[in-house]
Amino acid sequence: MNINGLLFILVVNTSFSSQFMVVNVFPLEMAVILRDFNSKLYSVEIYYLCKTLADLPLQIIFPVILNAIVYWMVGKYSYTIPSATPSLP
């Protein structure tokens, strides 16, 4: 079993899913962003900060769920459970 390949796929999947969530939302909300910016309700920086903070729980919860499932499916637990007792000579 190639653990390095698994870790690479998990990192790529997590990175691209987070990026595509952001890339797909901004074009859909561009009209609202421009309307609010032109009416001086808030700046683009504040919008971006609030949007990032609002999406943060989803960007944390979904990868944790995915990694928890994959952790048990591939049997990584047999390699990473540390011993609770020190080894005696």
PDB file of N, CA and C in Angstrom:
ATOM      1  N   MET A   1       0.846  -1.166   0.000  1.00  0.00           N
ATOM      2  CA  MET A   1       0.000   0.000   0.000  1.00  0.00           C
ATOM      3  C   MET A   1       0.898   1.238   0.000  1.00  0.00           C
ATOM      4  N   ASN A   2       0.614   2.148  -0.894  1.00  0.00           N
ATOM      5  CA  ASN A   2       1.427   3.345  -1.019  1.00  0.00           C
ATOM      6  C   ASN A   2       0.760   4.495  -0.273  1.00  0.00           C
ATOM      7  N   ILE A   3       1.210   4.743   0.936  1.00  0.00           N
ATOM      8  CA  ILE A   3       0.638   5.806   1.772  1.00  0.00           C
ATOM      9  C   ILE A   3       0.960   7.186   1.198  1.00  0.00           C
ATOM     10  N   ASN A   4       2.132   7.337   0.582  1.00  0.00           N
ATOM     11  CA  ASN A   4       2.487   8.637  -0.005  1.00  0.00           C
ATOM     12  C   ASN A   4       1.519   9.031  -1.115  1.00  0.00           C
ATOM     13  N   GLY A   5       1.131   8.085  -1.948  1.00  0.00           N
ATOM     14  CA  GLY A   5       0.157   8.361  -3.008  1.00  0.00           C
ATOM     15  C   GLY A   5      -1.191   8.754  -2.437  1.00  0.00           C
ATOM     16  N   LEU A   6      -1.604   8.067  -1.385  1.00  0.00           N
ATOM     17  CA  LEU A   6      -2.871   8.391  -0.727  1.00  0.00           C
ATOM     18  C   LEU A   6      -2.836   9.800  -0.154  1.00  0.00           C
ATOM     19  N   LEU A   7      -1.764  10.154   0.523  1.00  0.00           N
ATOM     20  CA  LEU A   7      -1.651  11.490   1.107  1.00  0.00           C
ATOM     21  C   LEU A   7      -1.647  12.565   0.031  1.00  0.00           C
ATOM     22  N   PHE A   8      -0.983  12.290  -1.101  1.00  0.00           N
ATOM     23  CA  PHE A   8      -0.964  13.245  -2.210  1.00  0.00           C
ATOM     24  C   PHE A   8      -2.376  13.470  -2.749  1.00  0.00           C
ATOM     25  N   ILE A   9      -3.120  12.393  -2.974  1.00  0.00           N
ATOM     26  CA  ILE A   9      -4.477  12.513  -3.499  1.00  0.00           C
ATOM     27  C   ILE A   9      -5.376  13.267  -2.514  1.00  0.00           C
ATOM     28  N   LEU A  10      -5.230  13.005  -1.219  1.00  0.00           N
ATOM     29  CA  LEU A  10      -6.041  13.703  -0.228  1.00  0.00           C
ATOM     30  C   LEU A  10      -5.736  15.194  -0.205  1.00  0.00           C
ATOM     31  N   VAL A  11      -4.464  15.554  -0.282  1.00  0.00           N
ATOM     32  CA  VAL A  11      -4.088  16.978  -0.277  1.00  0.00           C
ATOM     33  C   VAL A  11      -4.589  17.673  -1.537  1.00  0.00           C
ATOM     34  N   VAL A  12      -4.434  17.038  -2.690  1.00  0.00           N
ATOM     35  CA  VAL A  12      -4.894  17.638  -3.945  1.00  0.00           C
ATOM     36  C   VAL A  12      -6.411  17.775  -3.935  1.00  0.00           C
ATOM     37  N   ASN A  13      -7.118  16.746  -3.489  1.00  0.00           N
ATOM     38  CA  ASN A  13      -8.576  16.801  -3.443  1.00  0.00           C
ATOM     39  C   ASN A  13      -9.055  17.916  -2.511  1.00  0.00           C
ATOM     40  N   THR A  14      -8.466  18.023  -1.354  1.00  0.00           N
ATOM     41  CA  THR A  14      -8.857  19.063  -0.403  1.00  0.00           C
ATOM     42  C   THR A  14      -8.548  20.454  -0.953  1.00  0.00           C
ATOM     43  N   SER A  15      -7.383  20.620  -1.564  1.00  0.00           N
ATOM     44  CA  SER A  15      -7.002  21.932  -2.101  1.00  0.00           C
ATOM     45  C   SER A  15      -7.926  22.371  -3.227  1.00  0.00           C
ATOM     46  N   PHE A  16      -8.159  21.485  -4.183  1.00  0.00           N
ATOM     47  CA  PHE A  16      -8.974  21.868  -5.329  1.00  0.00           C
ATOM     48  C   PHE A  16     -10.438  22.060  -4.951  1.00  0.00           C
ATOM     49  N   SER A  17     -10.950  21.278  -4.024  1.00  0.00           N
ATOM     50  CA  SER A  17     -12.353  21.480  -3.636  1.00  0.00           C
ATOM     51  C   SER A  17     -12.525  22.824  -2.937  1.00  0.00           C
ATOM     52  N   SER A  18     -11.551  23.233  -2.142  1.00  0.00           N
ATOM     53  CA  SER A  18     -11.623  24.552  -1.499  1.00  0.00           C
ATOM     54  C   SER A  18     -11.509  25.672  -2.531  1.00  0.00           C
ATOM     55  N   GLN A  19     -10.626  25.504  -3.495  1.00  0.00           N
ATOM     56  CA  GLN A  19     -10.451  26.538  -4.512  1.00  0.00           C
ATOM     57  C   GLN A  19     -11.670  26.657  -5.408  1.00  0.00           C
ATOM     58  N   PHE A  20     -12.252  25.531  -5.800  1.00  0.00           N
ATOM     59  CA  PHE A  20     -13.409  25.583  -6.692  1.00  0.00           C
ATOM     60  C   PHE A  20     -14.637  26.131  -5.987  1.00  0.00           C
ATOM     61  N   MET A  21     -14.735  25.951  -4.669  1.00  0.00           N
ATOM     62  CA  MET A  21     -15.845  26.537  -3.941  1.00  0.00           C
ATOM     63  C   MET A  21     -15.778  28.062  -4.040  1.00  0.00           C
ATOM     64  N   VAL A  22     -14.594  28.615  -3.939  1.00  0.00           N
ATOM     65  CA  VAL A  22     -14.428  30.068  -4.018  1.00  0.00           C
ATOM     66  C   VAL A  22     -14.565  30.550  -5.457  1.00  0.00           C
ATOM     67  N   VAL A  23     -13.965  29.847  -6.399  1.00  0.00           N
ATOM     68  CA  VAL A  23     -13.981  30.272  -7.798  1.00  0.00           C
ATOM     69  C   VAL A  23     -15.400  30.247  -8.369  1.00  0.00           C
ATOM     70  N   ASN A  24     -16.217  29.305  -7.954  1.00  0.00           N
ATOM     71  CA  ASN A  24     -17.577  29.223  -8.478  1.00  0.00           C
ATOM     72  C   ASN A  24     -18.516  30.240  -7.856  1.00  0.00           C
ATOM     73  N   VAL A  25     -18.230  30.731  -6.677  1.00  0.00           N
ATOM     74  CA  VAL A  25     -19.141  31.648  -5.995  1.00  0.00           C
ATOM     75  C   VAL A  25     -18.964  33.090  -6.471  1.00  0.00           C
ATOM     76  N   PHE A  26     -17.744  33.542  -6.672  1.00  0.00           N
ATOM     77  CA  PHE A  26     -17.512  34.951  -7.008  1.00  0.00           C
ATOM     78  C   PHE A  26     -18.184  35.390  -8.308  1.00  0.00           C
ATOM     79  N   PRO A  27     -18.133  34.639  -9.398  1.00  0.00           N
ATOM     80  CA  PRO A  27     -18.838  35.103 -10.604  1.00  0.00           C
ATOM     81  C   PRO A  27     -20.352  35.193 -10.412  1.00  0.00           C
ATOM     82  N   LEU A  28     -20.917  34.306  -9.598  1.00  0.00           N
ATOM     83  CA  LEU A  28     -22.355  34.337  -9.369  1.00  0.00           C
ATOM     84  C   LEU A  28     -22.775  35.550  -8.541  1.00  0.00           C
ATOM     85  N   GLU A  29     -21.909  36.011  -7.666  1.00  0.00           N
ATOM     86  CA  GLU A  29     -22.234  37.131  -6.780  1.00  0.00           C
ATOM     87  C   GLU A  29     -21.642  38.458  -7.241  1.00  0.00           C
ATOM     88  N   MET A  30     -21.074  38.493  -8.430  1.00  0.00           N
ATOM     89  CA  MET A  30     -20.403  39.712  -8.894  1.00  0.00           C
ATOM     90  C   MET A  30     -21.361  40.897  -8.989  1.00  0.00           C
ATOM     91  N   ALA A  31     -22.583  40.679  -9.435  1.00  0.00           N
ATOM     92  CA  ALA A  31     -23.538  41.787  -9.542  1.00  0.00           C
ATOM     93  C   ALA A  31     -23.859  42.369  -8.164  1.00  0.00           C
ATOM     94  N   VAL A  32     -24.018  41.517  -7.171  1.00  0.00           N
ATOM     95  CA  VAL A  32     -24.301  41.979  -5.812  1.00  0.00           C
ATOM     96  C   VAL A  32     -23.102  42.718  -5.240  1.00  0.00           C
ATOM     97  N   ILE A  33     -21.912  42.188  -5.483  1.00  0.00           N
ATOM     98  CA  ILE A  33     -20.688  42.834  -4.984  1.00  0.00           C
ATOM     99  C   ILE A  33     -20.545  44.232  -5.573  1.00  0.00           C
ATOM    100  N   LEU A  34     -20.707  44.341  -6.881  1.00  0.00           N
ATOM    101  CA  LEU A  34     -20.559  45.653  -7.535  1.00  0.00           C
ATOM    102  C   LEU A  34     -21.637  46.628  -7.080  1.00  0.00           C
ATOM    103  N   ARG A  35     -22.882  46.162  -6.930  1.00  0.00           N
ATOM    104  CA  ARG A  35     -23.966  47.046  -6.472  1.00  0.00           C
ATOM    105  C   ARG A  35     -23.683  47.582  -5.069  1.00  0.00           C
ATOM    106  N   ASP A  36     -23.265  46.683  -4.174  1.00  0.00           N
ATOM    107  CA  ASP A  36     -22.993  47.116  -2.802  1.00  0.00           C
ATOM    108  C   ASP A  36     -21.743  47.990  -2.719  1.00  0.00           C
ATOM    109  N   PHE A  37     -20.746  47.700  -3.527  1.00  0.00           N
ATOM    110  CA  PHE A  37     -19.527  48.507  -3.530  1.00  0.00           C
ATOM    111  C   PHE A  37     -19.805  49.901  -4.080  1.00  0.00           C
ATOM    112  N   ASN A  38     -20.586  49.984  -5.150  1.00  0.00           N
ATOM    113  CA  ASN A  38     -20.893  51.285  -5.747  1.00  0.00           C
ATOM    114  C   ASN A  38     -21.798  52.131  -4.859  1.00  0.00           C
ATOM    115  N   SER A  39     -22.614  51.491  -4.038  1.00  0.00           N
ATOM    116  CA  SER A  39     -23.464  52.261  -3.118  1.00  0.00           C
ATOM    117  C   SER A  39     -22.763  52.528  -1.791  1.00  0.00           C
ATOM    118  N   LYS A  40     -21.488  52.180  -1.711  1.00  0.00           N
ATOM    119  CA  LYS A  40     -20.635  52.450  -0.546  1.00  0.00           C
ATOM    120  C   LYS A  40     -21.126  51.763   0.740  1.00  0.00           C
ATOM    121  N   LEU A  41     -21.704  50.566   0.602  1.00  0.00           N
ATOM    122  CA  LEU A  41     -22.128  49.817   1.787  1.00  0.00           C
ATOM    123  C   LEU A  41     -20.937  49.201   2.501  1.00  0.00           C
ATOM    124  N   TYR A  42     -20.031  48.616   1.739  1.00  0.00           N
ATOM    125  CA  TYR A  42     -18.808  48.052   2.300  1.00  0.00           C
ATOM    126  C   TYR A  42     -17.776  47.901   1.189  1.00  0.00           C
ATOM    127  N   SER A  43     -16.534  47.712   1.599  1.00  0.00           N
ATOM    128  CA  SER A  43     -15.462  47.589   0.612  1.00  0.00           C
ATOM    129  C   SER A  43     -15.326  46.133   0.165  1.00  0.00           C
ATOM    130  N   VAL A  44     -14.562  45.947  -0.882  1.00  0.00           N
ATOM    131  CA  VAL A  44     -14.336  44.602  -1.407  1.00  0.00           C
ATOM    132  C   VAL A  44     -13.539  43.767  -0.414  1.00  0.00           C
ATOM    133  N   GLU A  45     -12.624  44.403   0.310  1.00  0.00           N
ATOM    134  CA  GLU A  45     -11.827  43.669   1.302  1.00  0.00           C
ATOM    135  C   GLU A  45     -12.702  43.107   2.410  1.00  0.00           C
ATOM    136  N   ILE A  46     -13.655  43.898   2.877  1.00  0.00           N
ATOM    137  CA  ILE A  46     -14.562  43.440   3.925  1.00  0.00           C
ATOM    138  C   ILE A  46     -15.441  42.310   3.405  1.00  0.00           C
ATOM    139  N   TYR A  47     -15.916  42.422   2.159  1.00  0.00           N
ATOM    140  CA  TYR A  47     -16.719  41.345   1.575  1.00  0.00           C
ATOM    141  C   TYR A  47     -15.913  40.058   1.517  1.00  0.00           C
ATOM    142  N   TYR A  48     -14.678  40.155   1.026  1.00  0.00           N
ATOM    143  CA  TYR A  48     -13.837  38.963   0.900  1.00  0.00           C
ATOM    144  C   TYR A  48     -13.559  38.346   2.266  1.00  0.00           C
ATOM    145  N   LEU A  49     -13.260  39.160   3.258  1.00  0.00           N
ATOM    146  CA  LEU A  49     -12.991  38.656   4.598  1.00  0.00           C
ATOM    147  C   LEU A  49     -14.214  37.952   5.179  1.00  0.00           C
ATOM    148  N   CYS A  50     -15.372  38.570   5.056  1.00  0.00           N
ATOM    149  CA  CYS A  50     -16.602  37.964   5.593  1.00  0.00           C
ATOM    150  C   CYS A  50     -16.972  36.695   4.834  1.00  0.00           C
ATOM    151  N   LYS A  51     -16.789  36.685   3.533  1.00  0.00           N
ATOM    152  CA  LYS A  51     -17.103  35.489   2.739  1.00  0.00           C
ATOM    153  C   LYS A  51     -16.159  34.352   3.100  1.00  0.00           C
ATOM    154  N   THR A  52     -14.905  34.668   3.312  1.00  0.00           N
ATOM    155  CA  THR A  52     -13.933  33.643   3.700  1.00  0.00           C
ATOM    156  C   THR A  52     -14.254  33.093   5.078  1.00  0.00           C
ATOM    157  N   LEU A  53     -14.586  33.961   6.020  1.00  0.00           N
ATOM    158  CA  LEU A  53     -14.936  33.499   7.366  1.00  0.00           C
ATOM    159  C   LEU A  53     -16.233  32.698   7.378  1.00  0.00           C
ATOM    160  N   ALA A  54     -17.174  33.047   6.508  1.00  0.00           N
ATOM    161  CA  ALA A  54     -18.426  32.297   6.439  1.00  0.00           C
ATOM    162  C   ALA A  54     -18.220  30.913   5.843  1.00  0.00           C
ATOM    163  N   ASP A  55     -17.291  30.776   4.900  1.00  0.00           N
ATOM    164  CA  ASP A  55     -17.026  29.485   4.265  1.00  0.00           C
ATOM    165  C   ASP A  55     -16.043  28.631   5.056  1.00  0.00           C
ATOM    166  N   LEU A  56     -15.389  29.204   6.035  1.00  0.00           N
ATOM    167  CA  LEU A  56     -14.361  28.489   6.789  1.00  0.00           C
ATOM    168  C   LEU A  56     -14.869  27.218   7.477  1.00  0.00           C
ATOM    169  N   PRO A  57     -16.029  27.237   8.130  1.00  0.00           N
ATOM    170  CA  PRO A  57     -16.487  25.983   8.747  1.00  0.00           C
ATOM    171  C   PRO A  57     -16.673  24.842   7.740  1.00  0.00           C
ATOM    172  N   LEU A  58     -17.202  25.155   6.561  1.00  0.00           N
ATOM    173  CA  LEU A  58     -17.367  24.113   5.548  1.00  0.00           C
ATOM    174  C   LEU A  58     -16.019  23.620   5.041  1.00  0.00           C
ATOM    175  N   GLN A  59     -15.062  24.530   4.926  1.00  0.00           N
ATOM    176  CA  GLN A  59     -13.750  24.133   4.434  1.00  0.00           C
ATOM    177  C   GLN A  59     -12.964  23.363   5.477  1.00  0.00           C
ATOM    178  N   ILE A  60     -13.418  23.351   6.706  1.00  0.00           N
ATOM    179  CA  ILE A  60     -12.785  22.548   7.753  1.00  0.00           C
ATOM    180  C   ILE A  60     -13.538  21.239   7.965  1.00  0.00           C
ATOM    181  N   ILE A  61     -14.869  21.314   8.008  1.00  0.00           N
ATOM    182  CA  ILE A  61     -15.666  20.132   8.344  1.00  0.00           C
ATOM    183  C   ILE A  61     -15.592  19.060   7.264  1.00  0.00           C
ATOM    184  N   PHE A  62     -15.746  19.420   6.002  1.00  0.00           N
ATOM    185  CA  PHE A  62     -15.766  18.419   4.939  1.00  0.00           C
ATOM    186  C   PHE A  62     -14.436  17.676   4.790  1.00  0.00           C
ATOM    187  N   PRO A  63     -13.284  18.343   4.816  1.00  0.00           N
ATOM    188  CA  PRO A  63     -12.034  17.578   4.773  1.00  0.00           C
ATOM    189  C   PRO A  63     -11.832  16.680   5.989  1.00  0.00           C
ATOM    190  N   VAL A  64     -12.287  17.120   7.163  1.00  0.00           N
ATOM    191  CA  VAL A  64     -12.155  16.274   8.355  1.00  0.00           C
ATOM    192  C   VAL A  64     -12.997  15.019   8.191  1.00  0.00           C
ATOM    193  N   ILE A  65     -14.216  15.165   7.680  1.00  0.00           N
ATOM    194  CA  ILE A  65     -15.071  13.995   7.454  1.00  0.00           C
ATOM    195  C   ILE A  65     -14.447  13.068   6.417  1.00  0.00           C
ATOM    196  N   LEU A  66     -13.965  13.634   5.318  1.00  0.00           N
ATOM    197  CA  LEU A  66     -13.328  12.820   4.279  1.00  0.00           C
ATOM    198  C   LEU A  66     -12.123  12.071   4.822  1.00  0.00           C
ATOM    199  N   ASN A  67     -11.267  12.767   5.553  1.00  0.00           N
ATOM    200  CA  ASN A  67     -10.070  12.117   6.079  1.00  0.00           C
ATOM    201  C   ASN A  67     -10.397  11.088   7.146  1.00  0.00           C
ATOM    202  N   ALA A  68     -11.459  11.318   7.922  1.00  0.00           N
ATOM    203  CA  ALA A  68     -11.859  10.320   8.917  1.00  0.00           C
ATOM    204  C   ALA A  68     -12.344   9.043   8.247  1.00  0.00           C
ATOM    205  N   ILE A  69     -13.077   9.177   7.158  1.00  0.00           N
ATOM    206  CA  ILE A  69     -13.545   7.992   6.428  1.00  0.00           C
ATOM    207  C   ILE A  69     -12.381   7.270   5.777  1.00  0.00           C
ATOM    208  N   VAL A  70     -11.515   8.020   5.092  1.00  0.00           N
ATOM    209  CA  VAL A  70     -10.382   7.400   4.397  1.00  0.00           C
ATOM    210  C   VAL A  70      -9.412   6.766   5.393  1.00  0.00           C
ATOM    211  N   TYR A  71      -9.251   7.377   6.539  1.00  0.00           N
ATOM    212  CA  TYR A  71      -8.353   6.864   7.577  1.00  0.00           C
ATOM    213  C   TYR A  71      -8.707   5.430   7.939  1.00  0.00           C
ATOM    214  N   TRP A  72      -9.976   5.156   8.117  1.00  0.00           N
ATOM    215  CA  TRP A  72     -10.394   3.805   8.496  1.00  0.00           C
ATOM    216  C   TRP A  72     -10.505   2.876   7.289  1.00  0.00           C
ATOM    217  N   MET A  73     -10.824   3.413   6.099  1.00  0.00           N
ATOM    218  CA  MET A  73     -10.994   2.566   4.921  1.00  0.00           C
ATOM    219  C   MET A  73      -9.679   1.951   4.463  1.00  0.00           C
ATOM    220  N   VAL A  74      -8.597   2.704   4.541  1.00  0.00           N
ATOM    221  CA  VAL A  74      -7.331   2.212   4.013  1.00  0.00           C
ATOM    222  C   VAL A  74      -6.485   1.514   5.061  1.00  0.00           C
ATOM    223  N   GLY A  75      -6.964   1.480   6.280  1.00  0.00           N
ATOM    224  CA  GLY A  75      -6.231   0.764   7.326  1.00  0.00           C
ATOM    225  C   GLY A  75      -5.041   1.522   7.864  1.00  0.00           C
ATOM    226  N   LYS A  76      -5.067   2.855   7.796  1.00  0.00           N
ATOM    227  CA  LYS A  76      -3.942   3.631   8.324  1.00  0.00           C
ATOM    228  C   LYS A  76      -3.848   3.519   9.838  1.00  0.00           C
ATOM    229  N   TYR A  77      -4.948   3.158  10.488  1.00  0.00           N
ATOM    230  CA  TYR A  77      -4.950   3.088  11.946  1.00  0.00           C
ATOM    231  C   TYR A  77      -3.992   2.030  12.463  1.00  0.00           C
ATOM    232  N   SER A  78      -3.726   0.986  11.673  1.00  0.00           N
ATOM    233  CA  SER A  78      -2.809  -0.041  12.147  1.00  0.00           C
ATOM    234  C   SER A  78      -1.361   0.441  12.144  1.00  0.00           C
ATOM    235  N   TYR A  79      -1.076   1.503  11.395  1.00  0.00           N
ATOM    236  CA  TYR A  79       0.282   2.034  11.322  1.00  0.00           C
ATOM    237  C   TYR A  79       0.522   3.182  12.292  1.00  0.00           C
ATOM    238  N   THR A  80      -0.521   3.855  12.738  1.00  0.00           N
ATOM    239  CA  THR A  80      -0.321   5.105  13.460  1.00  0.00           C
ATOM    240  C   THR A  80      -0.739   5.074  14.921  1.00  0.00           C
ATOM    241  N   ILE A  81      -1.262   3.967  15.426  1.00  0.00           N
ATOM    242  CA  ILE A  81      -1.664   3.929  16.829  1.00  0.00           C
ATOM    243  C   ILE A  81      -0.411   3.774  17.689  1.00  0.00           C
ATOM    244  N   PRO A  82      -0.111   4.762  18.516  1.00  0.00           N
ATOM    245  CA  PRO A  82       1.099   4.664  19.333  1.00  0.00           C
ATOM    246  C   PRO A  82       0.885   3.742  20.512  1.00  0.00           C
ATOM    247  N   SER A  83       1.948   3.214  21.001  1.00  0.00           N
ATOM    248  CA  SER A  83       1.880   2.325  22.151  1.00  0.00           C
ATOM    249  C   SER A  83       1.689   3.165  23.416  1.00  0.00           C
ATOM    250  N   ALA A  84       0.777   2.721  24.286  1.00  0.00           N
ATOM    251  CA  ALA A  84       0.496   3.466  25.510  1.00  0.00           C
ATOM    252  C   ALA A  84       1.527   3.161  26.595  1.00  0.00           C
ATOM    253  N   THR A  85       2.197   2.038  26.471  1.00  0.00           N
ATOM    254  CA  THR A  85       3.188   1.668  27.476  1.00  0.00           C
ATOM    255  C   THR A  85       4.569   1.713  26.871  1.00  0.00           C
ATOM    256  N   PRO A  86       5.537   2.173  27.612  1.00  0.00           N
ATOM    257  CA  PRO A  86       6.904   2.199  27.078  1.00  0.00           C
ATOM    258  C   PRO A  86       7.455   0.775  26.981  1.00  0.00           C
ATOM    259  N   SER A  87       8.295   0.591  26.018  1.00  0.00           N
ATOM    260  CA  SER A  87       8.887  -0.738  25.859  1.00  0.00           C
ATOM    261  C   SER A  87       9.966  -0.960  26.943  1.00  0.00           C
ATOM    262  N   LEU A  88       9.925  -2.096  27.502  1.00  0.00           N
ATOM    263  CA  LEU A  88      10.903  -2.443  28.544  1.00  0.00           C
ATOM    264  C   LEU A  88      12.072  -3.206  27.913  1.00  0.00           C
ATOM    265  N   PRO A  89      13.274  -2.978  28.396  1.00  0.00           N
ATOM    266  CA  PRO A  89      14.429  -3.667  27.798  1.00  0.00           C
ATOM    267  C   PRO A  89      14.456  -5.134  28.151  1.00  0.00           C
TER     268      PRO A  89
END
